C-alpha atoms as a PDB file:
ATOM      1  CA  MET A   1      22.285  52.044 -22.236  1.00  0.00           C
ATOM      2  CA  SER A   2      23.376  50.288 -25.399  1.00  0.00           C
ATOM      3  CA  ASP A   3      26.416  48.717 -23.811  1.00  0.00           C
ATOM      4  CA  ASN A   4      24.351  47.655 -20.803  1.00  0.00           C
ATOM      5  CA  LEU A   5      21.655  46.129 -23.038  1.00  0.00           C
ATOM      6  CA  ILE A   6      24.177  44.191 -25.045  1.00  0.00           C
ATOM      7  CA  GLU A   7      25.757  42.911 -21.829  1.00  0.00           C
ATOM      8  CA  ARG A   8      22.357  41.842 -20.451  1.00  0.00           C
ATOM      9  CA  ILE A   9      21.484  40.055 -23.691  1.00  0.00           C
ATOM     10  CA  SER A  10      24.814  38.233 -23.678  1.00  0.00           C
ATOM     11  CA  THR A  11      24.331  37.223 -20.033  1.00  0.00           C
ATOM     12  CA  ALA A  12      20.782  35.962 -20.771  1.00  0.00           C
ATOM     13  CA  LEU A  13      21.926  33.905 -23.749  1.00  0.00           C
ATOM     14  CA  GLU A  14      24.676  32.315 -21.672  1.00  0.00           C
ATOM     15  CA  ALA A  15      22.610  31.687 -18.581  1.00  0.00           C
ATOM     16  CA  GLU A  16      19.213  30.625 -19.898  1.00  0.00           C
ATOM     17  CA  TYR A  17      18.699  27.178 -21.395  1.00  0.00           C
ATOM     18  CA  THR A  18      14.934  27.209 -21.700  1.00  0.00           C
ATOM     19  CA  LEU A  19      12.574  29.233 -23.876  1.00  0.00           C
ATOM     20  CA  GLU A  20      10.678  30.544 -20.847  1.00  0.00           C
ATOM     21  CA  GLY A  21      13.820  31.656 -19.031  1.00  0.00           C
ATOM     22  CA  LEU A  22      15.173  33.522 -22.061  1.00  0.00           C
ATOM     23  CA  VAL A  23      11.840  35.096 -22.988  1.00  0.00           C
ATOM     24  CA  ARG A  24      11.181  36.399 -19.495  1.00  0.00           C
ATOM     25  CA  GLN A  25      14.531  38.178 -19.475  1.00  0.00           C
ATOM     26  CA  LEU A  26      13.962  39.593 -22.951  1.00  0.00           C
ATOM     27  CA  LEU A  27      10.495  40.852 -22.018  1.00  0.00           C
ATOM     28  CA  GLU A  28      11.947  42.721 -19.076  1.00  0.00           C
ATOM     29  CA  MET A  29      14.593  44.317 -21.327  1.00  0.00           C
ATOM     30  CA  LEU A  30      11.954  45.084 -23.970  1.00  0.00           C
ATOM     31  CA  GLU A  31       9.905  46.958 -21.367  1.00  0.00           C
ATOM     32  CA  LEU A  32      12.903  49.153 -20.536  1.00  0.00           C
ATOM     33  CA  VAL A  33      13.652  49.850 -24.203  1.00  0.00           C
ATOM     34  CA  THR A  34      10.066  50.594 -25.329  1.00  0.00           C
ATOM     35  CA  ASN A  35       8.773  52.085 -22.047  1.00  0.00           C
ATOM     36  CA  MET A  36       5.538  50.115 -22.598  1.00  0.00           C
ATOM     37  CA  GLU A  37       3.332  48.804 -19.784  1.00  0.00           C
ATOM     38  CA  SER A  38       3.144  45.232 -21.069  1.00  0.00           C
ATOM     39  CA  THR A  39       5.454  43.084 -23.139  1.00  0.00           C
ATOM     40  CA  TYR A  40       4.478  39.591 -24.248  1.00  0.00           C
ATOM     41  CA  LEU A  41       5.107  36.644 -26.539  1.00  0.00           C
ATOM     42  CA  THR A  42       2.247  34.986 -28.350  1.00  0.00           C
ATOM     43  CA  ARG A  43       1.913  31.616 -30.021  1.00  0.00           C
ATOM     44  CA  LEU A  44      -0.335  30.895 -32.971  1.00  0.00           C
ATOM     45  CA  GLU A  45      -2.185  27.602 -33.255  1.00  0.00           C
ATOM     46  CA  GLN A  46      -0.993  25.519 -36.217  1.00  0.00           C
ATOM     47  CA  ASP A  47      -4.414  25.754 -37.853  1.00  0.00           C
ATOM     48  CA  GLY A  48      -4.313  29.545 -37.535  1.00  0.00           C
ATOM     49  CA  SER A  49      -7.504  29.694 -35.531  1.00  0.00           C
ATOM     50  CA  GLN A  50      -6.359  31.081 -32.169  1.00  0.00           C
ATOM     51  CA  GLN A  51      -3.564  33.039 -30.569  1.00  0.00           C
ATOM     52  CA  HIS A  52      -2.303  32.344 -27.061  1.00  0.00           C
ATOM     53  CA  ILE A  53      -0.405  34.689 -24.722  1.00  0.00           C
ATOM     54  CA  LEU A  54       2.500  32.410 -23.868  1.00  0.00           C
ATOM     55  CA  PHE A  55       4.551  34.694 -21.597  1.00  0.00           C
ATOM     56  CA  SER A  56       3.890  38.250 -20.486  1.00  0.00           C
ATOM     57  CA  ARG A  57       5.367  40.988 -18.295  1.00  0.00           C
ATOM     58  CA  ASN A  58       3.045  43.613 -16.834  1.00  0.00           C
ATOM     59  CA  SER A  59       4.839  46.400 -14.997  1.00  0.00           C
ATOM     60  CA  ARG A  60       2.022  48.926 -14.510  1.00  0.00           C
ATOM     61  CA  LEU A  61      -1.779  49.104 -14.721  1.00  0.00           C
ATOM     62  CA  MET A  62      -2.299  47.218 -17.969  1.00  0.00           C
ATOM     63  CA  GLN A  63      -2.594  43.478 -17.453  1.00  0.00           C
ATOM     64  CA  ILE A  64      -2.195  41.105 -20.366  1.00  0.00           C
ATOM     65  CA  PRO A  65      -2.605  37.707 -18.710  1.00  0.00           C
ATOM     66  CA  GLU A  66      -0.616  34.632 -19.617  1.00  0.00           C
ATOM     67  CA  GLY A  67      -2.798  31.901 -21.015  1.00  0.00           C
ATOM     68  CA  LEU A  68      -5.218  34.324 -22.621  1.00  0.00           C
ATOM     69  CA  THR A  69      -6.593  32.919 -25.888  1.00  0.00           C
ATOM     70  CA  VAL A  70      -8.259  35.019 -28.552  1.00  0.00           C
ATOM     71  CA  PRO A  71      -9.404  34.355 -32.138  1.00  0.00           C
ATOM     72  CA  TRP A  72      -6.490  35.058 -34.479  1.00  0.00           C
ATOM     73  CA  GLY A  73      -8.694  37.079 -36.793  1.00  0.00           C
ATOM     74  CA  ASP A  74      -9.493  39.589 -34.050  1.00  0.00           C
ATOM     75  CA  THR A  75      -5.916  40.164 -32.917  1.00  0.00           C
ATOM     76  CA  LEU A  76      -3.861  43.291 -33.432  1.00  0.00           C
ATOM     77  CA  CYS A  77      -1.009  40.979 -34.420  1.00  0.00           C
ATOM     78  CA  LYS A  78      -2.790  39.708 -37.519  1.00  0.00           C
ATOM     79  CA  ARG A  79      -4.009  43.173 -38.491  1.00  0.00           C
ATOM     80  CA  ALA A  80      -0.525  44.611 -38.088  1.00  0.00           C
ATOM     81  CA  MET A  81       0.950  41.875 -40.283  1.00  0.00           C
ATOM     82  CA  ASP A  82      -1.790  42.148 -42.921  1.00  0.00           C
ATOM     83  CA  GLU A  83      -1.429  45.921 -43.142  1.00  0.00           C
ATOM     84  CA  GLY A  84       2.341  46.087 -42.753  1.00  0.00           C
ATOM     85  CA  ARG A  85       1.862  48.324 -39.728  1.00  0.00           C
ATOM     86  CA  ARG A  86       4.099  47.205 -36.855  1.00  0.00           C
ATOM     87  CA  TYR A  87       3.445  50.199 -34.617  1.00  0.00           C
ATOM     88  CA  THR A  88       0.714  52.640 -33.787  1.00  0.00           C
ATOM     89  CA  SER A  89      -0.101  54.900 -30.863  1.00  0.00           C
ATOM     90  CA  ASP A  90      -3.752  55.178 -31.938  1.00  0.00           C
ATOM     91  CA  VAL A  91      -5.200  51.680 -31.659  1.00  0.00           C
ATOM     92  CA  PRO A  92      -8.755  52.900 -30.922  1.00  0.00           C
ATOM     93  CA  GLY A  93      -8.707  55.073 -34.075  1.00  0.00           C
ATOM     94  CA  ILE A  94      -7.153  52.507 -36.399  1.00  0.00           C
ATOM     95  CA  TRP A  95      -8.464  49.206 -35.065  1.00  0.00           C
ATOM     96  CA  GLY A  96     -11.375  50.313 -32.925  1.00  0.00           C
ATOM     97  CA  ASP A  97     -13.426  47.269 -33.866  1.00  0.00           C
ATOM     98  CA  SER A  98     -10.967  44.847 -32.205  1.00  0.00           C
ATOM     99  CA  LYS A  99     -12.758  43.394 -29.193  1.00  0.00           C
ATOM    100  CA  ALA A 100      -9.532  42.055 -27.738  1.00  0.00           C
ATOM    101  CA  ALA A 101      -7.755  45.438 -27.954  1.00  0.00           C
ATOM    102  CA  LYS A 102     -10.754  47.221 -26.469  1.00  0.00           C
ATOM    103  CA  ALA A 103     -11.067  44.749 -23.596  1.00  0.00           C
ATOM    104  CA  LEU A 104      -7.383  45.111 -22.746  1.00  0.00           C
ATOM    105  CA  GLY A 105      -7.425  48.907 -23.100  1.00  0.00           C
ATOM    106  CA  ILE A 106      -4.598  49.042 -25.639  1.00  0.00           C
ATOM    107  CA  THR A 107      -3.737  52.484 -27.061  1.00  0.00           C
ATOM    108  CA  THR A 108      -0.163  51.987 -28.203  1.00  0.00           C
ATOM    109  CA  TYR A 109       0.920  48.743 -29.804  1.00  0.00           C
ATOM    110  CA  VAL A 110       4.007  47.350 -31.530  1.00  0.00           C
ATOM    111  CA  SER A 111       4.748  43.842 -32.658  1.00  0.00           C
ATOM    112  CA  THR A 112       6.938  41.777 -34.897  1.00  0.00           C
ATOM    113  CA  PRO A 113       6.424  38.214 -36.113  1.00  0.00           C
ATOM    114  CA  VAL A 114       8.514  35.357 -34.740  1.00  0.00           C
ATOM    115  CA  MET A 115       9.390  33.388 -37.852  1.00  0.00           C
ATOM    116  CA  LEU A 116      11.054  29.999 -37.764  1.00  0.00           C
ATOM    117  CA  ALA A 117      13.739  28.840 -40.209  1.00  0.00           C
ATOM    118  CA  ASP A 118      11.227  26.877 -42.277  1.00  0.00           C
ATOM    119  CA  GLY A 119       9.226  30.062 -42.903  1.00  0.00           C
ATOM    120  CA  SER A 120       6.400  29.164 -40.536  1.00  0.00           C
ATOM    121  CA  LEU A 121       4.917  31.737 -38.189  1.00  0.00           C
ATOM    122  CA  TYR A 122       5.383  30.744 -34.537  1.00  0.00           C
ATOM    123  CA  GLY A 123       3.735  33.789 -33.045  1.00  0.00           C
ATOM    124  CA  THR A 124       4.508  37.446 -32.290  1.00  0.00           C
ATOM    125  CA  LEU A 125       6.579  39.459 -29.876  1.00  0.00           C
ATOM    126  CA  CYS A 126       4.635  42.483 -28.720  1.00  0.00           C
ATOM    127  CA  ALA A 127       4.596  45.540 -26.490  1.00  0.00           C
ATOM    128  CA  ALA A 128       1.497  47.517 -25.536  1.00  0.00           C
ATOM    129  CA  SER A 129       0.409  50.425 -23.383  1.00  0.00           C
ATOM    130  CA  SER A 130      -2.841  52.113 -22.365  1.00  0.00           C
ATOM    131  CA  GLU A 131      -1.198  55.507 -23.011  1.00  0.00           C
ATOM    132  CA  LYS A 132       0.221  57.084 -26.148  1.00  0.00           C
ATOM    133  CA  CYS A 133       3.894  56.197 -26.426  1.00  0.00           C
ATOM    134  CA  GLU A 134       6.419  57.185 -29.046  1.00  0.00           C
ATOM    135  CA  LEU A 135       8.567  54.355 -30.354  1.00  0.00           C
ATOM    136  CA  SER A 136      12.118  54.994 -31.492  1.00  0.00           C
ATOM    137  CA  GLU A 137      13.721  53.295 -34.461  1.00  0.00           C
ATOM    138  CA  ARG A 138      16.166  51.726 -32.028  1.00  0.00           C
ATOM    139  CA  SER A 139      13.307  50.188 -30.060  1.00  0.00           C
ATOM    140  CA  GLU A 140      11.919  48.586 -33.249  1.00  0.00           C
ATOM    141  CA  GLN A 141      15.351  47.199 -34.046  1.00  0.00           C
ATOM    142  CA  VAL A 142      15.623  45.715 -30.536  1.00  0.00           C
ATOM    143  CA  LEU A 143      12.137  44.181 -30.914  1.00  0.00           C
ATOM    144  CA  GLN A 144      13.140  42.477 -34.163  1.00  0.00           C
ATOM    145  CA  LEU A 145      16.436  41.284 -32.654  1.00  0.00           C
ATOM    146  CA  PHE A 146      14.635  39.795 -29.687  1.00  0.00           C
ATOM    147  CA  ALA A 147      12.167  38.028 -32.034  1.00  0.00           C
ATOM    148  CA  GLN A 148      15.104  36.456 -33.872  1.00  0.00           C
ATOM    149  CA  LEU A 149      16.711  35.347 -30.627  1.00  0.00           C
ATOM    150  CA  ILE A 150      13.446  33.771 -29.475  1.00  0.00           C
ATOM    151  CA  ALA A 151      12.999  32.017 -32.826  1.00  0.00           C
ATOM    152  CA  GLN A 152      16.512  30.612 -32.528  1.00  0.00           C
ATOM    153  CA  GLN A 153      15.800  29.336 -29.005  1.00  0.00           C
ATOM    154  CA  ILE A 154      12.544  27.718 -30.164  1.00  0.00           C
ATOM    155  CA  GLN A 155      14.411  25.979 -32.978  1.00  0.00           C
ATOM    156  CA  ASN A 156      17.162  24.865 -30.595  1.00  0.00           C
ATOM    157  CA  GLU A 157      14.581  23.328 -28.247  1.00  0.00           C
ATOM    158  CA  GLN A 158      12.786  21.671 -31.162  1.00  0.00           C
ATOM    159  CA  LEU A 159      16.081  20.246 -32.400  1.00  0.00           C
ATOM    160  CA  LEU A 160      16.941  19.040 -28.890  1.00  0.00           C
ATOM    161  CA  LYS A 161      13.541  17.348 -28.594  1.00  0.00           C
ATOM    162  CA  GLN A 162      14.024  15.678 -31.975  1.00  0.00           C
ATOM    163  CA  LEU A 163      17.452  14.470 -30.901  1.00  0.00           C
ATOM    164  CA  GLN A 164      16.018  13.125 -27.633  1.00  0.00           C
ATOM    165  CA  LEU A 165      13.256  11.294 -29.481  1.00  0.00           C
ATOM    166  CA  ALA A 166      15.737   9.908 -31.987  1.00  0.00           C
ATOM    167  CA  ASN A 167      18.031   8.819 -29.180  1.00  0.00           C
ATOM    168  CA  ALA A 168      15.122   7.176 -27.334  1.00  0.00           C
ATOM    169  CA  ALA A 169      14.114   5.366 -30.510  1.00  0.00           C
ATOM    170  CA  LEU A 170      17.734   4.263 -31.071  1.00  0.00           C
ATOM    171  CA  MET A 171      18.001   3.031 -27.496  1.00  0.00           C
ATOM    172  CA  THR A 172      14.716   1.154 -27.802  1.00  0.00           C
ATOM    173  CA  SER A 173      15.886  -0.408 -31.063  1.00  0.00           C
ATOM    174  CA  SER A 174      19.290  -1.398 -29.655  1.00  0.00           C
ATOM    175  CA  TYR A 175      17.640  -3.061 -26.636  1.00  0.00           C
ATOM    176  CA  THR A 176      14.823  -4.811 -28.496  1.00  0.00           C
ATOM    177  CA  ASP A 177      14.793  -8.101 -30.403  1.00  0.00           C
ATOM    178  CA  ASP A 178      13.726  -7.261 -33.964  1.00  0.00           C
ATOM    179  CA  LEU A 179      11.656 -10.394 -34.446  1.00  0.00           C
ATOM    180  CA  THR A 180       9.753 -10.898 -31.201  1.00  0.00           C
ATOM    181  CA  GLY A 181       9.789  -7.392 -29.761  1.00  0.00           C
ATOM    182  CA  LEU A 182      11.162  -8.783 -26.499  1.00  0.00           C
ATOM    183  CA  PRO A 183      14.159  -7.218 -24.763  1.00  0.00           C
ATOM    184  CA  ASN A 184      17.355  -8.571 -26.328  1.00  0.00           C
ATOM    185  CA  ARG A 185      20.531  -9.967 -24.814  1.00  0.00           C
ATOM    186  CA  ARG A 186      21.985  -6.483 -24.230  1.00  0.00           C
ATOM    187  CA  ALA A 187      18.853  -5.354 -22.370  1.00  0.00           C
ATOM    188  CA  VAL A 188      18.872  -8.460 -20.168  1.00  0.00           C
ATOM    189  CA  PHE A 189      22.541  -8.089 -19.298  1.00  0.00           C
ATOM    190  CA  ASP A 190      22.008  -4.417 -18.470  1.00  0.00           C
ATOM    191  CA  LYS A 191      19.085  -5.105 -16.118  1.00  0.00           C
ATOM    192  CA  LEU A 192      20.453  -8.148 -14.279  1.00  0.00           C
ATOM    193  CA  PRO A 193      23.072  -6.262 -12.209  1.00  0.00           C
ATOM    194  CA  GLN A 194      20.332  -3.920 -10.968  1.00  0.00           C
ATOM    195  CA  LEU A 195      18.178  -6.901  -9.982  1.00  0.00           C
ATOM    196  CA  PHE A 196      21.071  -8.531  -8.155  1.00  0.00           C
ATOM    197  CA  SER A 197      21.923  -5.293  -6.354  1.00  0.00           C
ATOM    198  CA  ARG A 198      18.335  -4.781  -5.143  1.00  0.00           C
ATOM    199  CA  ALA A 199      17.979  -8.404  -4.066  1.00  0.00           C
ATOM    200  CA  GLU A 200      21.269  -8.327  -2.127  1.00  0.00           C
ATOM    201  CA  ARG A 201      20.211  -5.096  -0.408  1.00  0.00           C
ATOM    202  CA  ASP A 202      16.886  -6.667   0.558  1.00  0.00           C
ATOM    203  CA  ALA A 203      18.519 -10.013   1.517  1.00  0.00           C
ATOM    204  CA  ARG A 204      16.405 -11.870  -1.074  1.00  0.00           C
ATOM    205  CA  TYR A 205      17.297 -14.730  -3.384  1.00  0.00           C
ATOM    206  CA  VAL A 206      17.242 -14.265  -7.164  1.00  0.00           C
ATOM    207  CA  LEU A 207      15.392 -16.662  -9.431  1.00  0.00           C
ATOM    208  CA  VAL A 208      16.944 -17.165 -12.870  1.00  0.00           C
ATOM    209  CA  ALA A 209      15.272 -19.269 -15.586  1.00  0.00           C
ATOM    210  CA  PHE A 210      16.849 -20.299 -18.879  1.00  0.00           C
ATOM    211  CA  ALA A 211      14.489 -21.767 -21.505  1.00  0.00           C
ATOM    212  CA  ASP A 212      15.573 -23.447 -24.714  1.00  0.00           C
ATOM    213  CA  LEU A 213      12.970 -24.352 -27.360  1.00  0.00           C
ATOM    214  CA  ASP A 214      13.368 -28.063 -27.993  1.00  0.00           C
ATOM    215  CA  ASP A 215      12.788 -29.241 -31.577  1.00  0.00           C
ATOM    216  CA  PHE A 216      12.816 -25.674 -32.917  1.00  0.00           C
ATOM    217  CA  LYS A 217      15.171 -26.732 -35.722  1.00  0.00           C
ATOM    218  CA  GLN A 218      12.708 -29.429 -36.740  1.00  0.00           C
ATOM    219  CA  ILE A 219       9.915 -26.824 -36.943  1.00  0.00           C
ATOM    220  CA  ASN A 220      12.077 -24.758 -39.262  1.00  0.00           C
ATOM    221  CA  ASP A 221      12.999 -27.781 -41.393  1.00  0.00           C
ATOM    222  CA  VAL A 222       9.436 -29.100 -41.721  1.00  0.00           C
ATOM    223  CA  TYR A 223       7.401 -25.894 -41.978  1.00  0.00           C
ATOM    224  CA  GLY A 224       9.960 -23.371 -43.185  1.00  0.00           C
ATOM    225  CA  HIS A 225      11.707 -20.405 -41.600  1.00  0.00           C
ATOM    226  CA  ASP A 226       8.686 -18.087 -41.934  1.00  0.00           C
ATOM    227  CA  THR A 227       6.655 -20.452 -39.791  1.00  0.00           C
ATOM    228  CA  GLY A 228       9.591 -20.785 -37.463  1.00  0.00           C
ATOM    229  CA  ASP A 229       9.717 -17.029 -37.060  1.00  0.00           C
ATOM    230  CA  GLU A 230       5.979 -16.929 -36.448  1.00  0.00           C
ATOM    231  CA  PHE A 231       6.365 -19.607 -33.788  1.00  0.00           C
ATOM    232  CA  LEU A 232       9.093 -17.583 -32.053  1.00  0.00           C
ATOM    233  CA  CYS A 233       6.793 -14.542 -32.053  1.00  0.00           C
ATOM    234  CA  ALA A 234       3.999 -16.643 -30.540  1.00  0.00           C
ATOM    235  CA  ILE A 235       6.379 -17.847 -27.843  1.00  0.00           C
ATOM    236  CA  GLY A 236       7.344 -14.219 -27.173  1.00  0.00           C
ATOM    237  CA  GLU A 237       3.676 -13.194 -26.852  1.00  0.00           C
ATOM    238  CA  ARG A 238       2.962 -15.914 -24.328  1.00  0.00           C
ATOM    239  CA  LEU A 239       5.999 -14.887 -22.316  1.00  0.00           C
ATOM    240  CA  LYS A 240       5.030 -11.212 -22.381  1.00  0.00           C
ATOM    241  CA  GLU A 241       1.537 -12.047 -21.216  1.00  0.00           C
ATOM    242  CA  GLY A 242       2.674 -14.561 -18.577  1.00  0.00           C
ATOM    243  CA  VAL A 243       5.652 -13.030 -16.814  1.00  0.00           C
ATOM    244  CA  ARG A 244       5.134 -10.663 -13.936  1.00  0.00           C
ATOM    245  CA  TYR A 245       5.687  -6.924 -14.212  1.00  0.00           C
ATOM    246  CA  ASP A 246       8.796  -7.024 -12.016  1.00  0.00           C
ATOM    247  CA  GLU A 247      10.450  -9.950 -13.802  1.00  0.00           C
ATOM    248  CA  ILE A 248      13.194  -9.552 -16.388  1.00  0.00           C
ATOM    249  CA  LEU A 249      12.404 -11.186 -19.719  1.00  0.00           C
ATOM    250  CA  GLY A 250      14.464 -11.421 -22.854  1.00  0.00           C
ATOM    251  CA  ARG A 251      15.378 -13.393 -25.937  1.00  0.00           C
ATOM    252  CA  VAL A 252      19.120 -14.042 -25.677  1.00  0.00           C
ATOM    253  CA  GLY A 253      19.656 -16.392 -28.589  1.00  0.00           C
ATOM    254  CA  GLY A 254      17.910 -17.923 -31.580  1.00  0.00           C
ATOM    255  CA  ASP A 255      15.602 -20.091 -29.492  1.00  0.00           C
ATOM    256  CA  GLU A 256      16.769 -19.191 -25.991  1.00  0.00           C
ATOM    257  CA  PHE A 257      14.955 -17.029 -23.442  1.00  0.00           C
ATOM    258  CA  ILE A 258      15.748 -15.773 -19.944  1.00  0.00           C
ATOM    259  CA  ILE A 259      13.367 -14.887 -17.142  1.00  0.00           C
ATOM    260  CA  ALA A 260      14.667 -13.539 -13.858  1.00  0.00           C
ATOM    261  CA  GLY A 261      13.207 -11.963 -10.744  1.00  0.00           C
ATOM    262  CA  ALA A 262      13.568 -11.467  -7.016  1.00  0.00           C
ATOM    263  CA  GLY A 263      12.610 -14.421  -4.827  1.00  0.00           C
ATOM    264  CA  PRO A 264      11.903 -15.000  -1.146  1.00  0.00           C
ATOM    265  CA  THR A 265      14.366 -14.298   1.657  1.00  0.00           C
ATOM    266  CA  ASP A 266      14.277 -17.860   2.990  1.00  0.00           C
ATOM    267  CA  PHE A 267      16.377 -20.577   1.293  1.00  0.00           C
ATOM    268  CA  ALA A 268      13.750 -23.298   1.379  1.00  0.00           C
ATOM    269  CA  LYS A 269      11.048 -20.965   0.137  1.00  0.00           C
ATOM    270  CA  ALA A 270      13.364 -19.743  -2.638  1.00  0.00           C
ATOM    271  CA  GLN A 271      13.940 -23.309  -3.806  1.00  0.00           C
ATOM    272  CA  HIS A 272      10.194 -23.892  -3.848  1.00  0.00           C
ATOM    273  CA  ALA A 273       9.710 -20.626  -5.794  1.00  0.00           C
ATOM    274  CA  ALA A 274      12.210 -21.839  -8.386  1.00  0.00           C
ATOM    275  CA  LYS A 275      10.218 -25.042  -8.909  1.00  0.00           C
ATOM    276  CA  THR A 276       7.000 -23.060  -9.141  1.00  0.00           C
ATOM    277  CA  LEU A 277       8.535 -20.760 -11.756  1.00  0.00           C
ATOM    278  CA  LYS A 278       9.659 -23.719 -13.814  1.00  0.00           C
ATOM    279  CA  THR A 279       6.142 -25.216 -13.706  1.00  0.00           C
ATOM    280  CA  ARG A 280       4.599 -21.880 -14.639  1.00  0.00           C
ATOM    281  CA  LEU A 281       6.891 -21.396 -17.637  1.00  0.00           C
ATOM    282  CA  SER A 282       6.442 -24.947 -18.845  1.00  0.00           C
ATOM    283  CA  SER A 283       2.679 -24.689 -18.663  1.00  0.00           C
ATOM    284  CA  MET A 284       2.788 -21.327 -20.351  1.00  0.00           C
ATOM    285  CA  LEU A 285       4.846 -22.462 -23.373  1.00  0.00           C
ATOM    286  CA  THR A 286       3.558 -25.995 -23.835  1.00  0.00           C
ATOM    287  CA  GLY A 287       0.491 -26.646 -25.981  1.00  0.00           C
ATOM    288  CA  ASP A 288      -1.098 -25.845 -29.297  1.00  0.00           C
ATOM    289  CA  TYR A 289       0.075 -22.938 -31.433  1.00  0.00           C
ATOM    290  CA  GLN A 290      -2.321 -21.899 -34.177  1.00  0.00           C
ATOM    291  CA  LEU A 291      -0.056 -20.195 -36.676  1.00  0.00           C
ATOM    292  CA  HIS A 292      -0.933 -18.674 -40.018  1.00  0.00           C
ATOM    293  CA  ALA A 293      -0.161 -21.739 -42.088  1.00  0.00           C
ATOM    294  CA  THR A 294      -0.356 -24.604 -39.605  1.00  0.00           C
ATOM    295  CA  MET A 295      -1.156 -25.845 -36.121  1.00  0.00           C
ATOM    296  CA  ILE A 296       1.825 -26.903 -34.052  1.00  0.00           C
ATOM    297  CA  LYS A 297       1.372 -29.121 -31.032  1.00  0.00           C
ATOM    298  CA  TYR A 298       4.401 -28.162 -28.999  1.00  0.00           C
ATOM    299  CA  ALA A 299       5.699 -30.478 -26.289  1.00  0.00           C
ATOM    300  CA  GLY A 300       7.418 -27.620 -24.487  1.00  0.00           C
ATOM    301  CA  PRO A 301      10.926 -26.287 -23.924  1.00  0.00           C
ATOM    302  CA  SER A 302      13.772 -27.417 -21.719  1.00  0.00           C
ATOM    303  CA  ILE A 303      13.914 -25.111 -18.712  1.00  0.00           C
ATOM    304  CA  GLY A 304      16.531 -24.634 -16.039  1.00  0.00           C
ATOM    305  CA  VAL A 305      15.606 -22.553 -13.020  1.00  0.00           C
ATOM    306  CA  ILE A 306      17.874 -21.772 -10.089  1.00  0.00           C
ATOM    307  CA  ALA A 307      17.535 -19.784  -6.888  1.00  0.00           C
ATOM    308  CA  ILE A 308      20.805 -18.122  -5.908  1.00  0.00           C
ATOM    309  CA  ASN A 309      22.087 -15.768  -3.227  1.00  0.00           C
ATOM    310  CA  PRO A 310      23.167 -12.634  -5.110  1.00  0.00           C
ATOM    311  CA  ALA A 311      25.991 -12.155  -2.638  1.00  0.00           C
ATOM    312  CA  ASP A 312      27.525 -15.437  -3.782  1.00  0.00           C
ATOM    313  CA  MET A 313      27.084 -15.205  -7.551  1.00  0.00           C
ATOM    314  CA  THR A 314      27.452 -12.616 -10.292  1.00  0.00           C
ATOM    315  CA  PRO A 315      24.832 -12.365 -13.058  1.00  0.00           C
ATOM    316  CA  ASP A 316      27.233 -14.110 -15.445  1.00  0.00           C
ATOM    317  CA  THR A 317      27.830 -17.081 -13.177  1.00  0.00           C
ATOM    318  CA  ALA A 318      24.127 -17.304 -12.379  1.00  0.00           C
ATOM    319  CA  LEU A 319      23.260 -17.454 -16.058  1.00  0.00           C
ATOM    320  CA  ARG A 320      25.846 -20.191 -16.604  1.00  0.00           C
ATOM    321  CA  ALA A 321      24.339 -22.111 -13.718  1.00  0.00           C
ATOM    322  CA  ALA A 322      20.815 -21.700 -15.126  1.00  0.00           C
ATOM    323  CA  ASP A 323      22.115 -22.791 -18.519  1.00  0.00           C
ATOM    324  CA  GLU A 324      23.614 -25.937 -16.991  1.00  0.00           C
ATOM    325  CA  ALA A 325      20.303 -26.640 -15.243  1.00  0.00           C
ATOM    326  CA  MET A 326      18.522 -26.258 -18.568  1.00  0.00           C
ATOM    327  CA  TYR A 327      20.842 -28.797 -20.236  1.00  0.00           C
ATOM    328  CA  GLN A 328      20.221 -31.214 -17.411  1.00  0.00           C
ATOM    329  CA  ASP A 329      16.500 -30.771 -17.928  1.00  0.00           C
ATOM    330  CA  LYS A 330      16.997 -31.416 -21.633  1.00  0.00           C
ATOM    331  CA  LYS A 331      18.793 -34.712 -20.857  1.00  0.00           C
ATOM    332  CA  ASN A 332      16.035 -35.784 -18.490  1.00  0.00           C
ATOM    333  CA  ARG A 333      13.341 -35.003 -21.089  1.00  0.00           C
ATOM    334  CA  ARG A 334      15.093 -37.253 -23.654  1.00  0.00           C
ATOM    335  CA  LYS A 335      15.146 -40.285 -21.397  1.00  0.00           C
END
């Protein structure tokens, strides 16, 4: 039995990657070792008010349902911990005033706390029966071992979750412009190939706009870099509010921004859509900007917008073409 139990534990640890999967296997083994009707894992609320039955195994008449919630103060788990009594085969005689124990018909009960590495109490690992059952020292040792294994799995999952959150935050940071909160150059260049691939599949044109903030250097020189940064943030806000949900938006340089999206399937309509996009962006970014220290009447940026067939151009060549169109617009605005 010992060799078989050790083999089953080893198999479970190798095969199960979730808390639920591991616990369910351990509860089944715990039932065999203790010969109890029900085995279960509980979780204690952080404020210590309630206890929840997280997972349970009921092999005979006694039914301890998963999801059951009881006041922590009325539980056998708390009483056992407070009194240093992990096991008893006379629950009615010792804890007869426990409503939860009476409702469940518990006569024999054994539990051990599931303690995390920081010393906090996660919950308890328990076994119970409606009949009197003798518990061997070996069974108690197995119960404590299983509680330690569960605690380790909980900590592993918590660590994994923390790593995932940290990685998500790092990814967000690495793809976000620190000043404006817009996607940065890396984010734009990562999304453009996907846009081109979808557009080519759907036989649609791609609209690419390149906007450069004319006279931005003069704003910095006259009002200072803090005001310049505030102006960039205001530009970013207008873009975030004005672009469509399916359009790619990003700040790709100091005062340069890119907007891209799928266009119509027809060439003439795509060219018209490019002109419409240019008008929309110009109207969006031109006008008065009430900043913290001053009001700036902004004449608008230079904007180059192209409609291209994604089968004929890569994202890189499309951006260069949009950049050239922007410089042509800049020349025309200076005439």
